Protein backbone atom coordinates (compact mmCIF):
# COMPACT_ATOMS: atom_id res chain seq x y z
CA MET A 1 -71.53 37.52 -18.83
CA ARG A 2 -68.43 35.80 -17.41
CA LYS A 3 -69.13 37.32 -13.96
CA LEU A 4 -72.66 35.91 -14.08
CA ALA A 5 -71.36 32.39 -14.84
CA VAL A 6 -68.90 32.57 -11.93
CA LEU A 7 -71.69 33.80 -9.65
CA VAL A 8 -73.99 30.93 -10.71
CA VAL A 9 -71.27 28.30 -10.04
CA ALA A 10 -70.43 29.87 -6.65
CA LEU A 11 -74.12 29.93 -5.71
CA ALA A 12 -74.57 26.29 -6.78
CA LEU A 13 -71.60 25.25 -4.63
CA ALA A 14 -72.93 27.20 -1.65
CA MET A 15 -76.34 25.56 -1.97
CA GLY A 16 -74.86 22.07 -2.29
CA ALA A 17 -76.06 21.52 -5.87
CA VAL A 18 -72.50 20.75 -6.95
CA PRO A 19 -70.32 18.79 -4.53
CA ALA A 20 -67.25 20.73 -3.42
CA ALA A 21 -63.90 19.00 -3.90
CA GLN A 22 -62.81 17.20 -0.74
CA ALA A 23 -59.23 16.82 0.40
CA ALA A 24 -57.88 13.31 -0.02
CA ILE A 25 -57.06 11.37 3.13
CA VAL A 26 -53.31 11.34 3.56
CA SER A 27 -52.05 8.62 5.87
CA GLU A 28 -48.59 7.70 7.09
CA LYS A 29 -47.07 4.48 8.43
CA VAL A 30 -45.96 5.01 12.04
CA GLY A 31 -44.37 1.75 13.17
CA GLY A 32 -40.83 3.11 12.86
CA ALA A 33 -41.70 6.36 14.67
CA ILE A 34 -42.95 4.59 17.80
CA GLY A 35 -39.43 4.16 19.22
CA LYS A 36 -38.87 7.94 19.05
CA VAL A 37 -42.31 8.72 20.45
CA ALA A 38 -41.73 6.35 23.36
CA LYS A 39 -38.74 8.46 24.48
CA ALA A 40 -40.41 11.85 23.98
CA THR A 41 -41.82 14.26 26.55
CA ASP A 42 -45.41 13.94 27.75
CA ALA A 43 -46.46 16.87 25.52
CA GLU A 44 -44.78 15.35 22.45
CA ILE A 45 -46.33 11.94 23.09
CA GLN A 46 -49.79 13.47 23.44
CA ALA A 47 -49.28 15.57 20.29
CA PHE A 48 -48.40 12.41 18.34
CA PHE A 49 -51.82 10.87 19.10
CA SER A 50 -54.09 13.90 19.59
CA GLY A 51 -56.29 14.79 16.64
CA TYR A 52 -55.38 11.73 14.55
CA THR A 53 -57.25 8.66 13.35
CA PHE A 54 -55.09 5.55 13.69
CA ILE A 55 -55.29 2.02 12.38
CA LEU A 56 -54.61 -0.36 15.25
CA LYS A 57 -54.14 -4.04 14.47
CA SER A 58 -53.78 -6.82 16.99
CA ARG A 59 -53.77 -10.57 16.60
CA TYR A 60 -54.57 -11.00 20.29
CA VAL A 61 -56.99 -9.51 22.76
CA MET A 62 -54.95 -7.55 25.32
CA PRO A 63 -56.13 -5.92 28.55
CA SER A 64 -55.08 -2.50 27.22
CA PHE A 65 -56.71 -3.01 23.82
CA PRO A 66 -59.47 -5.59 24.21
CA PHE A 67 -60.18 -5.96 20.50
CA ASN A 68 -58.44 -8.32 18.10
CA GLY A 69 -58.20 -7.68 14.39
CA GLY A 70 -58.09 -4.20 12.91
CA SER A 71 -59.73 -0.99 14.06
CA PHE A 72 -59.89 2.69 13.24
CA VAL A 73 -59.42 4.78 16.40
CA TYR A 74 -59.82 8.56 16.57
CA PHE A 75 -57.88 10.17 19.46
CA ALA A 76 -59.71 13.45 20.11
CA PRO A 77 -57.78 16.37 21.64
CA ASN A 78 -60.22 16.39 24.60
CA GLY A 79 -59.11 12.87 25.66
CA THR A 80 -62.02 10.92 24.19
CA LEU A 81 -61.74 7.98 21.80
CA ALA A 82 -63.97 6.74 19.03
CA LEU A 83 -63.17 3.16 18.00
CA TRP A 84 -64.65 1.54 14.89
CA ARG A 85 -63.87 -2.13 14.36
CA GLY A 86 -65.75 -2.35 11.07
CA GLY A 87 -69.10 -3.27 12.60
CA ALA A 88 -72.20 -1.13 13.02
CA LYS A 89 -71.13 0.29 16.40
CA VAL A 90 -68.52 2.93 17.23
CA TYR A 91 -67.21 2.41 20.77
CA ALA A 92 -66.64 5.35 23.10
CA GLY A 93 -63.55 5.54 25.28
CA LYS A 94 -60.96 7.80 26.85
CA TRP A 95 -57.23 8.09 26.29
CA GLU A 96 -54.15 9.61 27.81
CA ALA A 97 -50.46 9.18 27.11
CA GLY A 98 -47.26 10.03 28.94
CA TRP A 99 -44.83 8.87 31.60
CA PHE A 100 -47.10 9.05 34.68
CA GLY A 101 -44.06 8.61 36.96
CA SER A 102 -43.25 5.29 35.26
CA LYS A 103 -39.90 4.19 33.82
CA GLU A 104 -41.58 3.76 30.42
CA SER A 105 -44.04 5.91 28.49
CA LEU A 106 -47.59 4.60 28.38
CA LEU A 107 -50.64 4.84 26.13
CA CYS A 108 -53.81 4.31 28.14
CA MET A 109 -57.13 3.59 26.46
CA THR A 110 -60.18 2.95 28.60
CA PHE A 111 -63.40 1.54 27.20
CA PRO A 112 -65.99 1.63 30.03
CA GLY A 113 -67.32 -1.80 30.89
CA ILE A 114 -64.79 -3.49 28.60
CA ASN A 115 -61.28 -2.89 30.00
CA ASP A 116 -61.71 -0.96 33.22
CA GLY A 117 -58.90 -2.85 35.01
CA GLU A 118 -55.72 -2.59 32.89
CA PRO A 119 -56.05 0.12 30.28
CA CYS A 120 -52.36 0.94 29.60
CA VAL A 121 -49.76 -0.43 27.21
CA VAL A 122 -46.05 0.47 27.10
CA ILE A 123 -45.74 2.59 23.95
CA VAL A 124 -42.54 0.99 22.65
CA SER A 125 -44.21 -2.43 22.99
CA ALA A 126 -47.17 -1.22 20.92
CA ARG A 127 -45.09 -0.83 17.75
CA THR A 128 -46.94 -3.73 16.09
CA LEU A 129 -50.36 -2.55 17.34
CA ILE A 130 -50.05 1.04 16.08
CA GLN A 131 -49.87 0.82 12.27
CA GLU A 132 -50.87 3.98 10.44
CA ARG A 133 -52.42 7.41 11.08
CA ALA A 134 -54.20 10.23 9.27
CA LYS A 135 -54.75 13.79 10.52
CA GLY A 136 -58.23 14.53 11.84
CA ASN A 137 -61.37 12.50 12.44
CA VAL A 138 -61.32 11.39 8.82
CA PHE A 139 -64.50 9.30 8.95
CA GLY A 140 -66.44 11.50 11.41
CA LEU A 141 -66.45 8.80 14.10
CA LYS A 142 -68.45 9.51 17.25
CA GLY A 143 -68.17 7.22 20.28
CA GLY A 144 -71.50 5.51 20.92
CA GLY A 145 -72.67 6.43 17.44
CA LYS A 146 -73.33 4.53 14.25
CA ALA A 147 -70.50 3.45 11.96
CA PRO A 148 -70.30 4.95 8.47
CA MET A 149 -70.48 1.49 6.87
CA LEU A 150 -69.83 -2.21 7.59
CA LEU A 151 -66.37 -3.66 6.86
CA GLN A 152 -64.63 -7.01 6.76
CA ALA A 153 -61.39 -7.23 8.79
CA HIS A 154 -59.21 -7.04 5.66
CA GLN A 155 -60.94 -3.77 4.66
CA ILE A 156 -59.53 -1.75 7.59
CA ASP A 157 -57.62 0.51 5.24
CA PHE A 158 -57.78 4.31 4.87
CA LYS A 159 -57.80 4.33 1.06
CA PHE A 160 -60.40 1.56 0.73
CA VAL A 161 -62.87 3.16 3.18
CA ALA A 162 -62.32 6.67 1.76
CA LYS A 163 -63.11 5.37 -1.73
CA GLN A 164 -66.24 3.53 -0.52
CA LEU A 165 -67.48 6.68 1.26
CA GLY A 166 -66.66 8.96 -1.67
CA LEU A 167 -64.02 10.91 0.22
């Protein structure tokens, strides 16, 4: 009888009748790590960003990051970006990071038609822009796609959005 009960529960989970437990989103503050990352090798710099969703916050519109306020940005391993500012749209972009023959390491984010001219920021200078990160594309963002929900600027927070989405 016990084996039958286990089989019924397993079958219900497989069919989606009972929601499977989801891993909680674990985020980390990264402001203090930026100084180390800025001095790292190209591969280490890329590994720091690749495959993570970041919270970027800026009080000013900059050529390298032409969005003020807060944003979630997913840095895909294939060099694409998905940026969600809290509105209905998720912006598509491209990213790369490294030294590029420069005296300082750079993070370059290009959003076609928005910042085609000056897409790079010196990483060590971005310490106030780059706030927090979580492993993976935690909200399933897709550049050019629809946002999971609408947010106010003060709601750009991993825990708040995860709770609202039932994650």
